[in-house]
Amino acid sequence: MEKEIYAINSNISWKLLKDAVVAVNLDSGAYYTFNYTASLIWQWVEQGKSQAEIAASLKEQFPDIQTVESDVSDIVKYWLSEKLISK
């Protein structure tokens, strides 16, 4: 699991609404709504946690999920491809 730290790009405006994050790319106009788990990951990225720390935090909250590392990796890759976050 990667120990790299990611940051939310400056052209992304976002807000936590109840248990979901809504993010807007101010350059493209694209918007995203994240489910509860993705919203947790987003907030941890914003707090400066590494990918490994995020996976560990998720394992604490969801000990029965066996795919935490790959799930975190997949969402990070997607957010990087959408230019929502950067290294």
C-alpha atoms as a PDB file:
ATOM      1  CA  MET A   1       0.000   0.000   0.000  1.00  0.00           C
ATOM      2  CA  GLU A   2       1.342   3.368  -1.006  1.00  0.00           C
ATOM      3  CA  LYS A   3       2.473   5.830   1.604  1.00  0.00           C
ATOM      4  CA  GLU A   4       2.109   8.766  -0.759  1.00  0.00           C
ATOM      5  CA  ILE A   5       0.037  11.711   0.326  1.00  0.00           C
ATOM      6  CA  TYR A   6      -2.422  13.278  -2.075  1.00  0.00           C
ATOM      7  CA  ALA A   7      -4.060  16.702  -2.028  1.00  0.00           C
ATOM      8  CA  ILE A   8      -7.329  18.005  -3.359  1.00  0.00           C
ATOM      9  CA  ASN A   9      -6.623  20.210  -6.362  1.00  0.00           C
ATOM     10  CA  SER A  10      -7.204  23.940  -5.960  1.00  0.00           C
ATOM     11  CA  ASN A  11      -9.744  24.029  -8.809  1.00  0.00           C
ATOM     12  CA  ILE A  12     -12.045  21.673  -6.877  1.00  0.00           C
ATOM     13  CA  SER A  13     -14.799  23.111  -4.712  1.00  0.00           C
ATOM     14  CA  TRP A  14     -16.468  20.667  -2.366  1.00  0.00           C
ATOM     15  CA  LYS A  15     -18.869  20.435   0.517  1.00  0.00           C
ATOM     16  CA  LEU A  16     -19.935  17.722   2.946  1.00  0.00           C
ATOM     17  CA  LEU A  17     -23.720  17.361   2.924  1.00  0.00           C
ATOM     18  CA  LYS A  18     -24.845  14.925   5.633  1.00  0.00           C
ATOM     19  CA  ASP A  19     -22.841  11.782   4.788  1.00  0.00           C
ATOM     20  CA  ALA A  20     -21.990  12.638   1.176  1.00  0.00           C
ATOM     21  CA  VAL A  21     -19.384  14.871  -0.405  1.00  0.00           C
ATOM     22  CA  VAL A  22     -20.349  16.889  -3.454  1.00  0.00           C
ATOM     23  CA  ALA A  23     -17.365  18.144  -5.463  1.00  0.00           C
ATOM     24  CA  VAL A  24     -17.243  20.429  -8.497  1.00  0.00           C
ATOM     25  CA  ASN A  25     -14.345  20.867 -10.885  1.00  0.00           C
ATOM     26  CA  LEU A  26     -14.449  24.621 -11.426  1.00  0.00           C
ATOM     27  CA  ASP A  27     -12.460  24.335 -14.681  1.00  0.00           C
ATOM     28  CA  SER A  28     -14.616  21.719 -16.426  1.00  0.00           C
ATOM     29  CA  GLY A  29     -17.931  22.147 -14.611  1.00  0.00           C
ATOM     30  CA  ALA A  30     -18.074  18.429 -13.881  1.00  0.00           C
ATOM     31  CA  TYR A  31     -19.571  17.527 -10.540  1.00  0.00           C
ATOM     32  CA  TYR A  32     -19.289  14.420  -8.405  1.00  0.00           C
ATOM     33  CA  THR A  33     -21.272  12.988  -5.526  1.00  0.00           C
ATOM     34  CA  PHE A  34     -19.488  10.481  -3.303  1.00  0.00           C
ATOM     35  CA  ASN A  35     -21.136   7.819  -1.187  1.00  0.00           C
ATOM     36  CA  TYR A  36     -20.428   7.540   2.532  1.00  0.00           C
ATOM     37  CA  THR A  37     -17.235   5.502   2.197  1.00  0.00           C
ATOM     38  CA  ALA A  38     -15.798   7.613  -0.624  1.00  0.00           C
ATOM     39  CA  SER A  39     -16.678  10.712   1.397  1.00  0.00           C
ATOM     40  CA  LEU A  40     -14.642   9.378   4.318  1.00  0.00           C
ATOM     41  CA  ILE A  41     -11.701   8.751   2.003  1.00  0.00           C
ATOM     42  CA  TRP A  42     -12.063  12.266   0.519  1.00  0.00           C
ATOM     43  CA  GLN A  43     -12.015  13.874   3.956  1.00  0.00           C
ATOM     44  CA  TRP A  44      -8.931  11.872   4.944  1.00  0.00           C
ATOM     45  CA  VAL A  45      -7.181  12.985   1.758  1.00  0.00           C
ATOM     46  CA  GLU A  46      -8.066  16.553   2.718  1.00  0.00           C
ATOM     47  CA  GLN A  47      -6.560  15.929   6.172  1.00  0.00           C
ATOM     48  CA  GLY A  48      -3.281  14.779   4.593  1.00  0.00           C
ATOM     49  CA  LYS A  49      -3.491  11.070   5.354  1.00  0.00           C
ATOM     50  CA  SER A  50      -1.493   8.723   3.141  1.00  0.00           C
ATOM     51  CA  GLN A  51      -3.153   5.980   1.118  1.00  0.00           C
ATOM     52  CA  ALA A  52      -1.901   3.415   3.666  1.00  0.00           C
ATOM     53  CA  GLU A  53      -3.280   5.452   6.585  1.00  0.00           C
ATOM     54  CA  ILE A  54      -6.634   5.769   4.835  1.00  0.00           C
ATOM     55  CA  ALA A  55      -6.821   2.009   4.289  1.00  0.00           C
ATOM     56  CA  ALA A  56      -5.970   1.400   7.947  1.00  0.00           C
ATOM     57  CA  SER A  57      -8.684   3.830   9.056  1.00  0.00           C
ATOM     58  CA  LEU A  58     -11.226   2.113   6.825  1.00  0.00           C
ATOM     59  CA  LYS A  59     -10.263  -1.298   8.201  1.00  0.00           C
ATOM     60  CA  GLU A  60     -11.000   0.004  11.690  1.00  0.00           C
ATOM     61  CA  GLN A  61     -14.475   1.138  10.650  1.00  0.00           C
ATOM     62  CA  PHE A  62     -15.261  -1.809   8.370  1.00  0.00           C
ATOM     63  CA  PRO A  63     -13.312  -4.833   9.686  1.00  0.00           C
ATOM     64  CA  ASP A  64     -15.307  -7.329   7.587  1.00  0.00           C
ATOM     65  CA  ILE A  65     -14.353  -5.832   4.231  1.00  0.00           C
ATOM     66  CA  GLN A  66     -11.498  -7.790   2.660  1.00  0.00           C
ATOM     67  CA  THR A  67     -10.861  -5.468  -0.293  1.00  0.00           C
ATOM     68  CA  VAL A  68     -10.043  -2.229   1.526  1.00  0.00           C
ATOM     69  CA  GLU A  69      -6.594  -1.711  -0.011  1.00  0.00           C
ATOM     70  CA  SER A  70      -7.754  -2.299  -3.577  1.00  0.00           C
ATOM     71  CA  ASP A  71     -10.883  -0.195  -3.039  1.00  0.00           C
ATOM     72  CA  VAL A  72      -8.807   2.744  -1.770  1.00  0.00           C
ATOM     73  CA  SER A  73      -6.321   2.305  -4.602  1.00  0.00           C
ATOM     74  CA  ASP A  74      -9.133   2.245  -7.173  1.00  0.00           C
ATOM     75  CA  ILE A  75     -10.771   5.450  -5.904  1.00  0.00           C
ATOM     76  CA  VAL A  76      -7.415   7.250  -5.713  1.00  0.00           C
ATOM     77  CA  LYS A  77      -6.616   6.216  -9.304  1.00  0.00           C
ATOM     78  CA  TYR A  78     -10.036   7.424 -10.440  1.00  0.00           C
ATOM     79  CA  TRP A  79      -9.706  10.762  -8.656  1.00  0.00           C
ATOM     80  CA  LEU A  80      -6.229  11.224 -10.152  1.00  0.00           C
ATOM     81  CA  SER A  81      -7.575  10.481 -13.639  1.00  0.00           C
ATOM     82  CA  GLU A  82     -10.381  13.013 -13.121  1.00  0.00           C
ATOM     83  CA  LYS A  83      -7.824  15.548 -11.820  1.00  0.00           C
ATOM     84  CA  LEU A  84      -9.660  15.903  -8.506  1.00  0.00           C
ATOM     85  CA  ILE A  85      -6.505  15.183  -6.518  1.00  0.00           C
ATOM     86  CA  SER A  86      -2.771  15.196  -7.143  1.00  0.00           C
ATOM     87  CA  LYS A  87       0.401  13.904  -5.526  1.00  0.00           C
END
